[in-house]
Amino acid sequence: MEYAVFEEIEKNTIHIKFSSSLPSVDSFNQYLNMLSEVVKNGKNLYLIFDASYAPYIPGELRKMQADWIKANQKIVLSSVIIAIYVIPNAIQRYVLNAIYLLQKPVVAYKIVSSFKAAINYLHKEQNRRNVA
């Protein structure tokens, strides 16, 4: 089973939906490799990371993700406009906000509680960018 499914839902807008199953190291690596392909081949991307049903991942996988972010910082900065995180759990939203207060993320971000809120925020940002 794939840990993450990537779908272009609008031009330059990628919905990354995480599985409800705890990922193996191999499936997490596949996710990071797919994410690498998306950011390397994209420009002006809006990424929606949908963790609506995702379990809290273990420290080993969080470290892999942190290492990926560090290694790909420049390419992410040049290809991603904003990352929107869908996290229904209020405690997990609070934790991610706290992490981002301590460690500034690479690109602009927004943390929301639902996919609908993510789409609403996405359209607001797209409209703001088109007007500016």
C-alpha atoms as a PDB file:
ATOM      1  CA  MET A   1       0.000   0.000   0.000  1.00  0.00           C
ATOM      2  CA  GLU A   2       1.265   3.463  -0.888  1.00  0.00           C
ATOM      3  CA  TYR A   3       1.831   5.854   1.986  1.00  0.00           C
ATOM      4  CA  ALA A   4       1.021   8.928  -0.128  1.00  0.00           C
ATOM      5  CA  VAL A   5      -1.008   9.496  -3.264  1.00  0.00           C
ATOM      6  CA  PHE A   6      -0.117  12.503  -5.422  1.00  0.00           C
ATOM      7  CA  GLU A   7      -2.812  14.110  -7.568  1.00  0.00           C
ATOM      8  CA  GLU A   8      -2.746  17.348  -9.542  1.00  0.00           C
ATOM      9  CA  ILE A   9      -6.156  18.807  -8.671  1.00  0.00           C
ATOM     10  CA  GLU A  10      -5.629  22.135 -10.432  1.00  0.00           C
ATOM     11  CA  LYS A  11      -2.840  23.585 -12.523  1.00  0.00           C
ATOM     12  CA  ASN A  12       0.285  23.671 -10.304  1.00  0.00           C
ATOM     13  CA  THR A  13      -1.710  22.392  -7.329  1.00  0.00           C
ATOM     14  CA  ILE A  14      -0.713  19.008  -5.956  1.00  0.00           C
ATOM     15  CA  HIS A  15      -2.837  17.193  -3.391  1.00  0.00           C
ATOM     16  CA  ILE A  16      -0.726  14.746  -1.400  1.00  0.00           C
ATOM     17  CA  LYS A  17      -3.028  12.468   0.570  1.00  0.00           C
ATOM     18  CA  PHE A  18      -1.492  10.283   3.238  1.00  0.00           C
ATOM     19  CA  SER A  19      -2.699   6.781   4.035  1.00  0.00           C
ATOM     20  CA  SER A  20      -4.179   5.851   7.399  1.00  0.00           C
ATOM     21  CA  SER A  21      -1.584   3.071   7.679  1.00  0.00           C
ATOM     22  CA  LEU A  22       1.737   3.587   9.390  1.00  0.00           C
ATOM     23  CA  PRO A  23       4.343   3.709   6.602  1.00  0.00           C
ATOM     24  CA  SER A  24       7.326   1.398   6.365  1.00  0.00           C
ATOM     25  CA  VAL A  25      10.750   2.923   5.785  1.00  0.00           C
ATOM     26  CA  ASP A  26      10.504   1.794   2.138  1.00  0.00           C
ATOM     27  CA  SER A  27       7.084   3.358   1.554  1.00  0.00           C
ATOM     28  CA  PHE A  28       8.203   6.568   3.269  1.00  0.00           C
ATOM     29  CA  ASN A  29      11.249   6.671   0.987  1.00  0.00           C
ATOM     30  CA  GLN A  30       8.925   6.236  -2.013  1.00  0.00           C
ATOM     31  CA  TYR A  31       6.912   9.224  -0.783  1.00  0.00           C
ATOM     32  CA  LEU A  32      10.070  11.349  -0.432  1.00  0.00           C
ATOM     33  CA  ASN A  33      11.248  10.278  -3.904  1.00  0.00           C
ATOM     34  CA  MET A  34       7.880  11.218  -5.448  1.00  0.00           C
ATOM     35  CA  LEU A  35       7.958  14.539  -3.606  1.00  0.00           C
ATOM     36  CA  SER A  36      11.448  15.133  -5.002  1.00  0.00           C
ATOM     37  CA  GLU A  37      10.191  14.532  -8.541  1.00  0.00           C
ATOM     38  CA  VAL A  38       7.267  16.898  -8.054  1.00  0.00           C
ATOM     39  CA  VAL A  39       9.357  19.798  -6.746  1.00  0.00           C
ATOM     40  CA  LYS A  40      12.220  19.244  -9.221  1.00  0.00           C
ATOM     41  CA  ASN A  41       9.852  19.240 -12.203  1.00  0.00           C
ATOM     42  CA  GLY A  42       7.431  21.911 -11.006  1.00  0.00           C
ATOM     43  CA  LYS A  43       7.278  25.687 -10.835  1.00  0.00           C
ATOM     44  CA  ASN A  44       4.960  27.930  -8.825  1.00  0.00           C
ATOM     45  CA  LEU A  45       3.538  24.933  -6.977  1.00  0.00           C
ATOM     46  CA  TYR A  46       0.849  24.903  -4.340  1.00  0.00           C
ATOM     47  CA  LEU A  47       1.197  21.742  -2.237  1.00  0.00           C
ATOM     48  CA  ILE A  48      -1.633  20.437  -0.070  1.00  0.00           C
ATOM     49  CA  PHE A  49      -0.367  17.850   2.410  1.00  0.00           C
ATOM     50  CA  ASP A  50      -3.533  16.067   3.531  1.00  0.00           C
ATOM     51  CA  ALA A  51      -2.949  14.258   6.814  1.00  0.00           C
ATOM     52  CA  SER A  52      -6.677  13.868   7.510  1.00  0.00           C
ATOM     53  CA  TYR A  53      -6.292  10.158   8.252  1.00  0.00           C
ATOM     54  CA  ALA A  54      -2.542   9.812   8.683  1.00  0.00           C
ATOM     55  CA  PRO A  55      -1.135   8.365  11.880  1.00  0.00           C
ATOM     56  CA  TYR A  56       1.564  10.149  13.828  1.00  0.00           C
ATOM     57  CA  ILE A  57       4.802   8.896  12.271  1.00  0.00           C
ATOM     58  CA  PRO A  58       7.721   7.588  14.338  1.00  0.00           C
ATOM     59  CA  GLY A  59      10.860   9.606  15.026  1.00  0.00           C
ATOM     60  CA  GLU A  60      12.951   7.695  12.476  1.00  0.00           C
ATOM     61  CA  LEU A  61      10.619   8.793   9.659  1.00  0.00           C
ATOM     62  CA  ARG A  62      10.381  12.367  10.962  1.00  0.00           C
ATOM     63  CA  LYS A  63      14.197  12.488  10.875  1.00  0.00           C
ATOM     64  CA  MET A  64      14.173  11.211   7.278  1.00  0.00           C
ATOM     65  CA  GLN A  65      11.732  13.972   6.380  1.00  0.00           C
ATOM     66  CA  ALA A  66      13.834  16.622   8.143  1.00  0.00           C
ATOM     67  CA  ASP A  67      16.923  15.391   6.277  1.00  0.00           C
ATOM     68  CA  TRP A  68      14.998  15.543   2.988  1.00  0.00           C
ATOM     69  CA  ILE A  69      13.900  19.127   3.705  1.00  0.00           C
ATOM     70  CA  LYS A  70      17.468  20.158   4.503  1.00  0.00           C
ATOM     71  CA  ALA A  71      18.879  18.472   1.380  1.00  0.00           C
ATOM     72  CA  ASN A  72      16.182  19.914  -0.926  1.00  0.00           C
ATOM     73  CA  GLN A  73      15.784  23.364   0.598  1.00  0.00           C
ATOM     74  CA  LYS A  74      16.957  25.334  -2.449  1.00  0.00           C
ATOM     75  CA  ILE A  75      14.814  23.480  -4.966  1.00  0.00           C
ATOM     76  CA  VAL A  76      11.743  23.690  -2.723  1.00  0.00           C
ATOM     77  CA  LEU A  77      12.316  27.412  -2.302  1.00  0.00           C
ATOM     78  CA  SER A  78      12.518  27.901  -6.073  1.00  0.00           C
ATOM     79  CA  SER A  79       9.487  25.785  -7.014  1.00  0.00           C
ATOM     80  CA  VAL A  80       6.930  25.924  -4.180  1.00  0.00           C
ATOM     81  CA  ILE A  81       4.776  28.973  -3.439  1.00  0.00           C
ATOM     82  CA  ILE A  82       3.014  27.618  -0.375  1.00  0.00           C
ATOM     83  CA  ALA A  83       2.510  24.386   1.544  1.00  0.00           C
ATOM     84  CA  ILE A  84      -0.910  23.863   3.069  1.00  0.00           C
ATOM     85  CA  TYR A  85      -1.219  21.200   5.756  1.00  0.00           C
ATOM     86  CA  VAL A  86      -4.580  19.545   6.465  1.00  0.00           C
ATOM     87  CA  ILE A  87      -4.484  18.337  10.059  1.00  0.00           C
ATOM     88  CA  PRO A  88      -7.892  17.728  11.672  1.00  0.00           C
ATOM     89  CA  ASN A  89      -6.478  17.029  15.136  1.00  0.00           C
ATOM     90  CA  ALA A  90      -6.171  20.277  17.134  1.00  0.00           C
ATOM     91  CA  ILE A  91      -3.286  18.974  19.244  1.00  0.00           C
ATOM     92  CA  GLN A  92      -1.284  17.964  16.161  1.00  0.00           C
ATOM     93  CA  ARG A  93      -1.974  21.381  14.589  1.00  0.00           C
ATOM     94  CA  TYR A  94      -0.728  23.032  17.762  1.00  0.00           C
ATOM     95  CA  VAL A  95       2.433  20.877  17.770  1.00  0.00           C
ATOM     96  CA  LEU A  96       3.215  21.685  14.124  1.00  0.00           C
ATOM     97  CA  ASN A  97       2.661  25.396  14.755  1.00  0.00           C
ATOM     98  CA  ALA A  98       5.016  25.194  17.738  1.00  0.00           C
ATOM     99  CA  ILE A  99       7.665  23.429  15.645  1.00  0.00           C
ATOM    100  CA  TYR A 100       7.392  26.104  12.951  1.00  0.00           C
ATOM    101  CA  LEU A 101       7.748  28.852  15.548  1.00  0.00           C
ATOM    102  CA  LEU A 102      11.055  27.302  16.633  1.00  0.00           C
ATOM    103  CA  GLN A 103      12.272  26.264  13.192  1.00  0.00           C
ATOM    104  CA  LYS A 104      11.148  28.494  10.328  1.00  0.00           C
ATOM    105  CA  PRO A 105       9.849  26.444   7.391  1.00  0.00           C
ATOM    106  CA  VAL A 106      11.444  26.724   3.958  1.00  0.00           C
ATOM    107  CA  VAL A 107       8.347  28.196   2.249  1.00  0.00           C
ATOM    108  CA  ALA A 108       5.162  29.969   3.268  1.00  0.00           C
ATOM    109  CA  TYR A 109       2.677  27.635   4.926  1.00  0.00           C
ATOM    110  CA  LYS A 110      -0.808  27.390   6.342  1.00  0.00           C
ATOM    111  CA  ILE A 111      -2.180  24.762   8.707  1.00  0.00           C
ATOM    112  CA  VAL A 112      -5.915  24.052   8.424  1.00  0.00           C
ATOM    113  CA  SER A 113      -8.355  21.569   9.898  1.00  0.00           C
ATOM    114  CA  SER A 114     -10.059  20.298   6.715  1.00  0.00           C
ATOM    115  CA  PHE A 115      -9.549  19.787   3.009  1.00  0.00           C
ATOM    116  CA  LYS A 116     -12.355  22.274   2.339  1.00  0.00           C
ATOM    117  CA  ALA A 117     -10.492  24.906   4.386  1.00  0.00           C
ATOM    118  CA  ALA A 118      -7.324  24.087   2.415  1.00  0.00           C
ATOM    119  CA  ILE A 119      -9.100  24.669  -0.913  1.00  0.00           C
ATOM    120  CA  ASN A 120     -10.637  27.912   0.353  1.00  0.00           C
ATOM    121  CA  TYR A 121      -7.242  29.168   1.513  1.00  0.00           C
ATOM    122  CA  LEU A 122      -5.620  28.027  -1.742  1.00  0.00           C
ATOM    123  CA  HIS A 123      -8.088  30.035  -3.837  1.00  0.00           C
ATOM    124  CA  LYS A 124      -7.664  33.070  -1.586  1.00  0.00           C
ATOM    125  CA  GLU A 125      -3.877  32.896  -2.057  1.00  0.00           C
ATOM    126  CA  GLN A 126      -4.164  32.385  -5.807  1.00  0.00           C
ATOM    127  CA  ASN A 127      -6.492  35.382  -6.086  1.00  0.00           C
ATOM    128  CA  ARG A 128      -4.182  37.492  -3.936  1.00  0.00           C
ATOM    129  CA  ARG A 129      -1.211  36.609  -6.132  1.00  0.00           C
ATOM    130  CA  ASN A 130      -3.171  37.367  -9.321  1.00  0.00           C
ATOM    131  CA  VAL A 131      -4.193  40.796  -8.028  1.00  0.00           C
ATOM    132  CA  ALA A 132      -0.769  41.782  -6.733  1.00  0.00           C
END
